[in-house]
Amino acid sequence: MKSKILNGLLLFSSLMVYMEWSNQHRIMFQAEAEVLHALLFAPKSVLHPLTLLPLLGQLLLIFTLIQKTPGKGLTYFSIFALGILIIMVFVAGVLRLNLIQTLSTLPFFVVSVLIVIRFRRQKKLQSEAAYESERRD
């Protein structure tokens, strides 16, 4: 259950990233709505890896929330796919000294680290349990 909560938090934190460029600004969920709209009506205008990869990452996160147990591989790929864009937003925020943009990315990074820690602990516990059962035999 905790994995689903973390994946939900990861999805939510990715949607709350604030992006600003020249004289425009968007929160990620606004940009996603525009991409989905363009994907339906003018697909060639959004055929770019930095547009489609984060969208795919969010769709996979939604899929992991439907699964009984969220898949480790899907979750890691989602972190990677979303992380590419969010790291770029973070770097742009740091370079422009935009505190709001920079801070809006931090929840995504914190939840990503928590997910990696959770999967590593699960793996360690599983290997210890396997060792104990093998030792008893």
Protein backbone atom coordinates (compact mmCIF):
# COMPACT_ATOMS: atom_id res chain seq x y z
CA MET A 1 0.00 0.00 0.00
CA LYS A 2 2.82 2.40 0.81
CA SER A 3 4.21 2.03 -2.72
CA LYS A 4 0.88 3.17 -4.16
CA ILE A 5 0.85 6.20 -1.88
CA LEU A 6 4.40 7.11 -2.90
CA ASN A 7 3.55 6.68 -6.60
CA GLY A 8 0.47 8.87 -6.13
CA LEU A 9 2.61 11.51 -4.42
CA LEU A 10 5.12 11.25 -7.25
CA LEU A 11 2.37 11.83 -9.81
CA PHE A 12 0.95 14.75 -7.85
CA SER A 13 4.36 16.35 -7.30
CA SER A 14 5.17 16.07 -11.00
CA LEU A 15 1.93 17.84 -11.89
CA MET A 16 2.69 20.72 -9.50
CA VAL A 17 6.03 21.75 -11.06
CA TYR A 18 6.04 25.45 -11.98
CA MET A 19 7.62 26.35 -15.31
CA GLU A 20 8.47 29.85 -16.47
CA TRP A 21 10.09 31.03 -19.70
CA SER A 22 10.30 34.46 -21.34
CA ASN A 23 6.97 36.06 -20.48
CA GLN A 24 4.97 32.84 -20.04
CA HIS A 25 4.43 30.51 -17.11
CA ARG A 26 2.57 27.25 -16.51
CA ILE A 27 2.10 24.65 -13.87
CA MET A 28 2.84 21.21 -15.27
CA PHE A 29 -0.79 20.06 -15.25
CA GLN A 30 -1.72 23.05 -17.44
CA ALA A 31 1.04 22.19 -19.89
CA GLU A 32 -0.06 18.53 -19.87
CA ALA A 33 -3.62 19.56 -20.76
CA GLU A 34 -2.30 21.60 -23.68
CA VAL A 35 -0.14 18.68 -24.85
CA LEU A 36 -3.07 16.25 -24.67
CA HIS A 37 -5.26 18.66 -26.60
CA ALA A 38 -2.59 19.15 -29.24
CA LEU A 39 -1.98 15.40 -29.38
CA LEU A 40 -5.61 14.88 -30.35
CA PHE A 41 -5.94 17.71 -32.85
CA ALA A 42 -2.41 18.40 -34.15
CA PRO A 43 -0.21 15.42 -33.24
CA LYS A 44 2.80 16.56 -35.30
CA SER A 45 3.11 19.69 -33.16
CA VAL A 46 3.89 17.68 -30.01
CA LEU A 47 6.06 14.91 -31.43
CA HIS A 48 9.16 15.64 -29.40
CA PRO A 49 10.88 13.48 -26.76
CA LEU A 50 10.70 16.24 -24.12
CA THR A 51 6.96 16.37 -24.64
CA LEU A 52 6.08 12.72 -25.04
CA LEU A 53 8.48 11.15 -22.51
CA PRO A 54 7.08 12.99 -19.45
CA LEU A 55 3.55 12.30 -20.66
CA LEU A 56 4.38 8.61 -20.97
CA GLY A 57 5.91 8.71 -17.48
CA GLN A 58 2.72 10.13 -16.01
CA LEU A 59 0.55 7.62 -17.84
CA LEU A 60 2.71 4.79 -16.50
CA LEU A 61 2.41 6.20 -12.99
CA ILE A 62 -1.36 6.18 -13.34
CA PHE A 63 -1.11 2.57 -14.51
CA THR A 64 0.96 1.64 -11.42
CA LEU A 65 -1.77 3.11 -9.23
CA ILE A 66 -4.26 0.71 -10.83
CA GLN A 67 -2.00 -2.32 -10.34
CA LYS A 68 -2.35 -4.42 -7.20
CA THR A 69 1.34 -3.95 -6.47
CA PRO A 70 3.13 -1.13 -8.33
CA GLY A 71 5.86 -2.47 -10.58
CA LYS A 72 9.40 -1.47 -9.74
CA GLY A 73 10.46 -1.19 -13.39
CA LEU A 74 7.48 0.97 -14.37
CA THR A 75 8.02 3.23 -11.39
CA TYR A 76 11.73 3.65 -12.13
CA PHE A 77 11.02 4.35 -15.80
CA SER A 78 8.40 6.94 -14.79
CA ILE A 79 10.91 8.65 -12.51
CA PHE A 80 13.43 8.70 -15.36
CA ALA A 81 10.93 9.94 -17.98
CA LEU A 82 9.58 12.71 -15.76
CA GLY A 83 12.96 13.44 -14.23
CA ILE A 84 14.48 14.53 -17.54
CA LEU A 85 12.05 17.43 -17.86
CA ILE A 86 11.96 18.24 -14.15
CA ILE A 87 15.76 18.37 -13.91
CA MET A 88 15.75 20.83 -16.82
CA VAL A 89 13.13 22.96 -15.04
CA PHE A 90 15.23 22.82 -11.85
CA VAL A 91 18.41 23.87 -13.66
CA ALA A 92 16.59 26.68 -15.46
CA GLY A 93 15.20 27.88 -12.12
CA VAL A 94 18.65 27.85 -10.52
CA LEU A 95 20.27 29.64 -13.45
CA ARG A 96 17.57 32.32 -13.52
CA LEU A 97 17.53 32.54 -9.71
CA ASN A 98 13.81 31.78 -9.81
CA LEU A 99 13.09 30.49 -6.31
CA ILE A 100 9.50 29.42 -7.01
CA GLN A 101 10.49 27.38 -10.05
CA THR A 102 13.41 25.77 -8.24
CA LEU A 103 11.44 24.92 -5.09
CA SER A 104 8.51 23.51 -7.07
CA THR A 105 10.73 20.67 -8.31
CA LEU A 106 11.97 19.59 -4.89
CA PRO A 107 8.90 17.53 -3.86
CA PHE A 108 9.37 15.39 -6.97
CA PHE A 109 13.01 14.75 -6.09
CA VAL A 110 12.21 13.98 -2.44
CA VAL A 111 9.46 11.50 -3.34
CA SER A 112 11.73 9.90 -5.97
CA VAL A 113 14.44 9.34 -3.36
CA LEU A 114 11.86 7.89 -0.93
CA ILE A 115 10.67 5.47 -3.62
CA VAL A 116 14.22 4.31 -4.38
CA ILE A 117 14.87 3.81 -0.64
CA ARG A 118 11.61 1.85 -0.31
CA PHE A 119 12.45 -0.49 -3.21
CA ARG A 120 15.98 -1.06 -1.90
CA ARG A 121 14.68 -1.89 1.58
CA GLN A 122 12.17 -4.33 0.08
CA LYS A 123 14.95 -6.01 -1.89
CA LYS A 124 17.13 -6.24 1.21
CA LEU A 125 14.30 -7.71 3.29
CA GLN A 126 13.49 -10.25 0.57
CA SER A 127 17.11 -11.37 0.31
CA GLU A 128 17.37 -11.66 4.10
CA ALA A 129 14.17 -13.72 4.22
CA ALA A 130 15.48 -15.99 1.46
CA TYR A 131 18.76 -16.40 3.34
CA GLU A 132 16.94 -17.29 6.55
CA SER A 133 14.70 -19.86 4.84
CA GLU A 134 17.73 -21.37 3.10
CA ARG A 135 19.61 -21.50 6.38
CA ARG A 136 16.76 -23.39 8.09
CA ASP A 137 16.77 -26.06 5.40
